[in-house]
Amino acid sequence: MAVVNDHEDLIRRMRERKYYDLSQWCAEELEETEHEAEQQGEWRIAKEIRAEIERQKAYYP
């Protein structure tokens, strides 16, 4: 499943680039990936993505 590899790559790219400002692109990209994971029944991945979104919002409000 593409979403399995995509979510890890997305989080890695964000961390490498220090892309923690949660710009509109970043937030939309994460939320879209989270939604795809839920649609495919990948609940663990969706939970990881949601945790990353919340972690970044707390760290970079």
PDB file of N, CA and C in Angstrom:
ATOM      1  N   MET A   1       0.836  -1.185   0.000  1.00  0.00           N
ATOM      2  CA  MET A   1       0.000   0.000   0.000  1.00  0.00           C
ATOM      3  C   MET A   1       0.878   1.244   0.000  1.00  0.00           C
ATOM      4  N   ALA A   2       0.557   2.137  -0.862  1.00  0.00           N
ATOM      5  CA  ALA A   2       1.359   3.351  -1.013  1.00  0.00           C
ATOM      6  C   ALA A   2       1.347   4.204   0.247  1.00  0.00           C
ATOM      7  N   VAL A   3       0.222   4.240   0.921  1.00  0.00           N
ATOM      8  CA  VAL A   3       0.121   5.112   2.092  1.00  0.00           C
ATOM      9  C   VAL A   3       1.086   4.692   3.195  1.00  0.00           C
ATOM     10  N   VAL A   4       1.396   3.412   3.289  1.00  0.00           N
ATOM     11  CA  VAL A   4       2.326   2.925   4.309  1.00  0.00           C
ATOM     12  C   VAL A   4       3.693   3.559   4.114  1.00  0.00           C
ATOM     13  N   ASN A   5       4.190   3.558   2.896  1.00  0.00           N
ATOM     14  CA  ASN A   5       5.496   4.142   2.620  1.00  0.00           C
ATOM     15  C   ASN A   5       5.437   5.657   2.603  1.00  0.00           C
ATOM     16  N   ASP A   6       4.350   6.208   2.104  1.00  0.00           N
ATOM     17  CA  ASP A   6       4.235   7.660   1.976  1.00  0.00           C
ATOM     18  C   ASP A   6       4.257   8.364   3.318  1.00  0.00           C
ATOM     19  N   HIS A   7       3.573   7.827   4.318  1.00  0.00           N
ATOM     20  CA  HIS A   7       3.497   8.560   5.585  1.00  0.00           C
ATOM     21  C   HIS A   7       4.851   8.642   6.249  1.00  0.00           C
ATOM     22  N   GLU A   8       5.637   7.575   6.187  1.00  0.00           N
ATOM     23  CA  GLU A   8       6.968   7.608   6.785  1.00  0.00           C
ATOM     24  C   GLU A   8       7.867   8.574   6.033  1.00  0.00           C
ATOM     25  N   ASP A   9       7.771   8.585   4.718  1.00  0.00           N
ATOM     26  CA  ASP A   9       8.568   9.495   3.906  1.00  0.00           C
ATOM     27  C   ASP A   9       8.175  10.942   4.184  1.00  0.00           C
ATOM     28  N   LEU A  10       6.895  11.202   4.307  1.00  0.00           N
ATOM     29  CA  LEU A  10       6.411  12.551   4.571  1.00  0.00           C
ATOM     30  C   LEU A  10       6.939  13.065   5.907  1.00  0.00           C
ATOM     31  N   ILE A  11       6.823  12.267   6.949  1.00  0.00           N
ATOM     32  CA  ILE A  11       7.300  12.680   8.269  1.00  0.00           C
ATOM     33  C   ILE A  11       8.812  12.873   8.246  1.00  0.00           C
ATOM     34  N   ARG A  12       9.531  11.978   7.588  1.00  0.00           N
ATOM     35  CA  ARG A  12      10.991  12.094   7.495  1.00  0.00           C
ATOM     36  C   ARG A  12      11.382  13.381   6.777  1.00  0.00           C
ATOM     37  N   ARG A  13      10.735  13.664   5.656  1.00  0.00           N
ATOM     38  CA  ARG A  13      11.053  14.886   4.898  1.00  0.00           C
ATOM     39  C   ARG A  13      10.773  16.135   5.725  1.00  0.00           C
ATOM     40  N   MET A  14       9.678  16.128   6.457  1.00  0.00           N
ATOM     41  CA  MET A  14       9.349  17.291   7.278  1.00  0.00           C
ATOM     42  C   MET A  14      10.403  17.508   8.352  1.00  0.00           C
ATOM     43  N   ARG A  15      10.845  16.434   8.988  1.00  0.00           N
ATOM     44  CA  ARG A  15      11.853  16.556  10.040  1.00  0.00           C
ATOM     45  C   ARG A  15      13.205  16.962   9.473  1.00  0.00           C
ATOM     46  N   GLU A  16      13.589  16.381   8.340  1.00  0.00           N
ATOM     47  CA  GLU A  16      14.878  16.718   7.728  1.00  0.00           C
ATOM     48  C   GLU A  16      14.934  18.181   7.336  1.00  0.00           C
ATOM     49  N   ARG A  17      13.845  18.692   6.827  1.00  0.00           N
ATOM     50  CA  ARG A  17      13.820  20.080   6.361  1.00  0.00           C
ATOM     51  C   ARG A  17      13.445  21.043   7.470  1.00  0.00           C
ATOM     52  N   LYS A  18      13.232  20.506   8.658  1.00  0.00           N
ATOM     53  CA  LYS A  18      12.776  21.317   9.780  1.00  0.00           C
ATOM     54  C   LYS A  18      11.500  22.067   9.380  1.00  0.00           C
ATOM     55  N   TYR A  19      10.640  21.337   8.721  1.00  0.00           N
ATOM     56  CA  TYR A  19       9.400  21.896   8.190  1.00  0.00           C
ATOM     57  C   TYR A  19       8.331  21.814   9.270  1.00  0.00           C
ATOM     58  N   TYR A  20       8.567  22.501  10.366  1.00  0.00           N
ATOM     59  CA  TYR A  20       7.684  22.378  11.515  1.00  0.00           C
ATOM     60  C   TYR A  20       6.701  23.533  11.658  1.00  0.00           C
ATOM     61  N   ASP A  21       6.650  24.409  10.685  1.00  0.00           N
ATOM     62  CA  ASP A  21       5.766  25.555  10.834  1.00  0.00           C
ATOM     63  C   ASP A  21       4.309  25.216  10.525  1.00  0.00           C
ATOM     64  N   LEU A  22       4.058  24.003  10.101  1.00  0.00           N
ATOM     65  CA  LEU A  22       2.710  23.563   9.735  1.00  0.00           C
ATOM     66  C   LEU A  22       2.048  24.565   8.795  1.00  0.00           C
ATOM     67  N   SER A  23       2.754  24.907   7.748  1.00  0.00           N
ATOM     68  CA  SER A  23       2.174  25.760   6.715  1.00  0.00           C
ATOM     69  C   SER A  23       0.943  25.060   6.162  1.00  0.00           C
ATOM     70  N   GLN A  24       0.192  25.760   5.366  1.00  0.00           N
ATOM     71  CA  GLN A  24      -1.022  25.179   4.794  1.00  0.00           C
ATOM     72  C   GLN A  24      -0.712  23.890   4.041  1.00  0.00           C
ATOM     73  N   TRP A  25       0.377  23.889   3.265  1.00  0.00           N
ATOM     74  CA  TRP A  25       0.742  22.683   2.509  1.00  0.00           C
ATOM     75  C   TRP A  25       1.000  21.521   3.438  1.00  0.00           C
ATOM     76  N   CYS A  26       1.791  21.760   4.452  1.00  0.00           N
ATOM     77  CA  CYS A  26       2.199  20.700   5.373  1.00  0.00           C
ATOM     78  C   CYS A  26       0.978  20.096   6.070  1.00  0.00           C
ATOM     79  N   ALA A  27       0.119  20.939   6.604  1.00  0.00           N
ATOM     80  CA  ALA A  27      -1.068  20.463   7.311  1.00  0.00           C
ATOM     81  C   ALA A  27      -1.986  19.688   6.370  1.00  0.00           C
ATOM     82  N   GLU A  28      -2.203  20.213   5.184  1.00  0.00           N
ATOM     83  CA  GLU A  28      -3.074  19.528   4.230  1.00  0.00           C
ATOM     84  C   GLU A  28      -2.494  18.182   3.821  1.00  0.00           C
ATOM     85  N   GLU A  29      -1.188  18.144   3.597  1.00  0.00           N
ATOM     86  CA  GLU A  29      -0.530  16.907   3.173  1.00  0.00           C
ATOM     87  C   GLU A  29      -0.665  15.827   4.246  1.00  0.00           C
ATOM     88  N   LEU A  30      -0.401  16.182   5.492  1.00  0.00           N
ATOM     89  CA  LEU A  30      -0.529  15.218   6.580  1.00  0.00           C
ATOM     90  C   LEU A  30      -1.971  14.755   6.750  1.00  0.00           C
ATOM     91  N   GLU A  31      -2.904  15.682   6.730  1.00  0.00           N
ATOM     92  CA  GLU A  31      -4.301  15.313   6.933  1.00  0.00           C
ATOM     93  C   GLU A  31      -4.833  14.462   5.788  1.00  0.00           C
ATOM     94  N   GLU A  32      -4.384  14.744   4.573  1.00  0.00           N
ATOM     95  CA  GLU A  32      -4.789  13.926   3.426  1.00  0.00           C
ATOM     96  C   GLU A  32      -4.248  12.502   3.569  1.00  0.00           C
ATOM     97  N   THR A  33      -3.008  12.383   3.984  1.00  0.00           N
ATOM     98  CA  THR A  33      -2.404  11.064   4.173  1.00  0.00           C
ATOM     99  C   THR A  33      -3.099  10.321   5.306  1.00  0.00           C
ATOM    100  N   GLU A  34      -3.440  11.039   6.382  1.00  0.00           N
ATOM    101  CA  GLU A  34      -4.163  10.425   7.493  1.00  0.00           C
ATOM    102  C   GLU A  34      -5.512   9.884   7.007  1.00  0.00           C
ATOM    103  N   HIS A  35      -6.219  10.665   6.211  1.00  0.00           N
ATOM    104  CA  HIS A  35      -7.522  10.248   5.684  1.00  0.00           C
ATOM    105  C   HIS A  35      -7.380   9.007   4.795  1.00  0.00           C
ATOM    106  N   GLU A  36      -6.365   8.995   3.928  1.00  0.00           N
ATOM    107  CA  GLU A  36      -6.135   7.834   3.061  1.00  0.00           C
ATOM    108  C   GLU A  36      -5.858   6.585   3.895  1.00  0.00           C
ATOM    109  N   ALA A  37      -5.076   6.741   4.941  1.00  0.00           N
ATOM    110  CA  ALA A  37      -4.772   5.599   5.806  1.00  0.00           C
ATOM    111  C   ALA A  37      -6.048   5.063   6.448  1.00  0.00           C
ATOM    112  N   GLU A  38      -6.903   5.957   6.933  1.00  0.00           N
ATOM    113  CA  GLU A  38      -8.169   5.532   7.529  1.00  0.00           C
ATOM    114  C   GLU A  38      -9.040   4.810   6.509  1.00  0.00           C
ATOM    115  N   GLN A  39      -9.107   5.335   5.289  1.00  0.00           N
ATOM    116  CA  GLN A  39      -9.918   4.723   4.240  1.00  0.00           C
ATOM    117  C   GLN A  39      -9.435   3.319   3.906  1.00  0.00           C
ATOM    118  N   GLN A  40      -8.125   3.100   4.020  1.00  0.00           N
ATOM    119  CA  GLN A  40      -7.551   1.793   3.695  1.00  0.00           C
ATOM    120  C   GLN A  40      -7.487   0.875   4.918  1.00  0.00           C
ATOM    121  N   GLY A  41      -8.010   1.346   6.043  1.00  0.00           N
ATOM    122  CA  GLY A  41      -8.015   0.528   7.245  1.00  0.00           C
ATOM    123  C   GLY A  41      -6.669   0.467   7.946  1.00  0.00           C
ATOM    124  N   GLU A  42      -5.790   1.376   7.625  1.00  0.00           N
ATOM    125  CA  GLU A  42      -4.462   1.423   8.252  1.00  0.00           C
ATOM    126  C   GLU A  42      -4.529   2.321   9.486  1.00  0.00           C
ATOM    127  N   TRP A  43      -5.167   1.816  10.540  1.00  0.00           N
ATOM    128  CA  TRP A  43      -5.426   2.637  11.723  1.00  0.00           C
ATOM    129  C   TRP A  43      -4.144   3.006  12.455  1.00  0.00           C
ATOM    130  N   ARG A  44      -3.169   2.126  12.492  1.00  0.00           N
ATOM    131  CA  ARG A  44      -1.902   2.428  13.169  1.00  0.00           C
ATOM    132  C   ARG A  44      -1.215   3.602  12.492  1.00  0.00           C
ATOM    133  N   ILE A  45      -1.212   3.590  11.177  1.00  0.00           N
ATOM    134  CA  ILE A  45      -0.575   4.666  10.419  1.00  0.00           C
ATOM    135  C   ILE A  45      -1.331   5.975  10.626  1.00  0.00           C
ATOM    136  N   ALA A  46      -2.645   5.924  10.568  1.00  0.00           N
ATOM    137  CA  ALA A  46      -3.448   7.129  10.782  1.00  0.00           C
ATOM    138  C   ALA A  46      -3.176   7.708  12.169  1.00  0.00           C
ATOM    139  N   LYS A  47      -3.051   6.826  13.151  1.00  0.00           N
ATOM    140  CA  LYS A  47      -2.776   7.278  14.518  1.00  0.00           C
ATOM    141  C   LYS A  47      -1.393   7.924  14.607  1.00  0.00           C
ATOM    142  N   GLU A  48      -0.394   7.346  13.942  1.00  0.00           N
ATOM    143  CA  GLU A  48       0.955   7.923  13.928  1.00  0.00           C
ATOM    144  C   GLU A  48       0.951   9.298  13.277  1.00  0.00           C
ATOM    145  N   ILE A  49       0.242   9.430  12.181  1.00  0.00           N
ATOM    146  CA  ILE A  49       0.186  10.711  11.475  1.00  0.00           C
ATOM    147  C   ILE A  49      -0.504  11.752  12.349  1.00  0.00           C
ATOM    148  N   ARG A  50      -1.615  11.375  12.979  1.00  0.00           N
ATOM    149  CA  ARG A  50      -2.319  12.310  13.860  1.00  0.00           C
ATOM    150  C   ARG A  50      -1.407  12.726  15.013  1.00  0.00           C
ATOM    151  N   ALA A  51      -0.654  11.798  15.567  1.00  0.00           N
ATOM    152  CA  ALA A  51       0.275  12.124  16.655  1.00  0.00           C
ATOM    153  C   ALA A  51       1.334  13.116  16.182  1.00  0.00           C
ATOM    154  N   GLU A  52       1.821  12.933  14.960  1.00  0.00           N
ATOM    155  CA  GLU A  52       2.818  13.859  14.404  1.00  0.00           C
ATOM    156  C   GLU A  52       2.212  15.248  14.214  1.00  0.00           C
ATOM    157  N   ILE A  53       0.991  15.328  13.729  1.00  0.00           N
ATOM    158  CA  ILE A  53       0.323  16.622  13.565  1.00  0.00           C
ATOM    159  C   ILE A  53       0.207  17.316  14.920  1.00  0.00           C
ATOM    160  N   GLU A  54      -0.266  16.582  15.917  1.00  0.00           N
ATOM    161  CA  GLU A  54      -0.453  17.167  17.247  1.00  0.00           C
ATOM    162  C   GLU A  54       0.882  17.547  17.882  1.00  0.00           C
ATOM    163  N   ARG A  55       1.909  16.729  17.682  1.00  0.00           N
ATOM    164  CA  ARG A  55       3.230  17.024  18.235  1.00  0.00           C
ATOM    165  C   ARG A  55       3.762  18.324  17.653  1.00  0.00           C
ATOM    166  N   GLN A  56       3.610  18.475  16.362  1.00  0.00           N
ATOM    167  CA  GLN A  56       4.106  19.685  15.718  1.00  0.00           C
ATOM    168  C   GLN A  56       3.301  20.908  16.120  1.00  0.00           C
ATOM    169  N   LYS A  57       1.998  20.760  16.259  1.00  0.00           N
ATOM    170  CA  LYS A  57       1.176  21.894  16.687  1.00  0.00           C
ATOM    171  C   LYS A  57       1.568  22.335  18.092  1.00  0.00           C
ATOM    172  N   ALA A  58       1.878  21.381  18.960  1.00  0.00           N
ATOM    173  CA  ALA A  58       2.280  21.717  20.324  1.00  0.00           C
ATOM    174  C   ALA A  58       3.666  22.359  20.351  1.00  0.00           C
ATOM    175  N   TYR A  59       4.549  21.869  19.502  1.00  0.00           N
ATOM    176  CA  TYR A  59       5.928  22.355  19.488  1.00  0.00           C
ATOM    177  C   TYR A  59       6.059  23.667  18.740  1.00  0.00           C
ATOM    178  N   TYR A  60       5.300  23.819  17.675  1.00  0.00           N
ATOM    179  CA  TYR A  60       5.341  25.023  16.840  1.00  0.00           C
ATOM    180  C   TYR A  60       3.932  25.561  16.644  1.00  0.00           C
ATOM    181  N   PRO A  61       3.356  26.177  17.681  1.00  0.00           N
ATOM    182  CA  PRO A  61       1.958  26.642  17.584  1.00  0.00           C
ATOM    183  C   PRO A  61       1.754  27.719  16.532  1.00  0.00           C
TER     184      PRO A  61
END
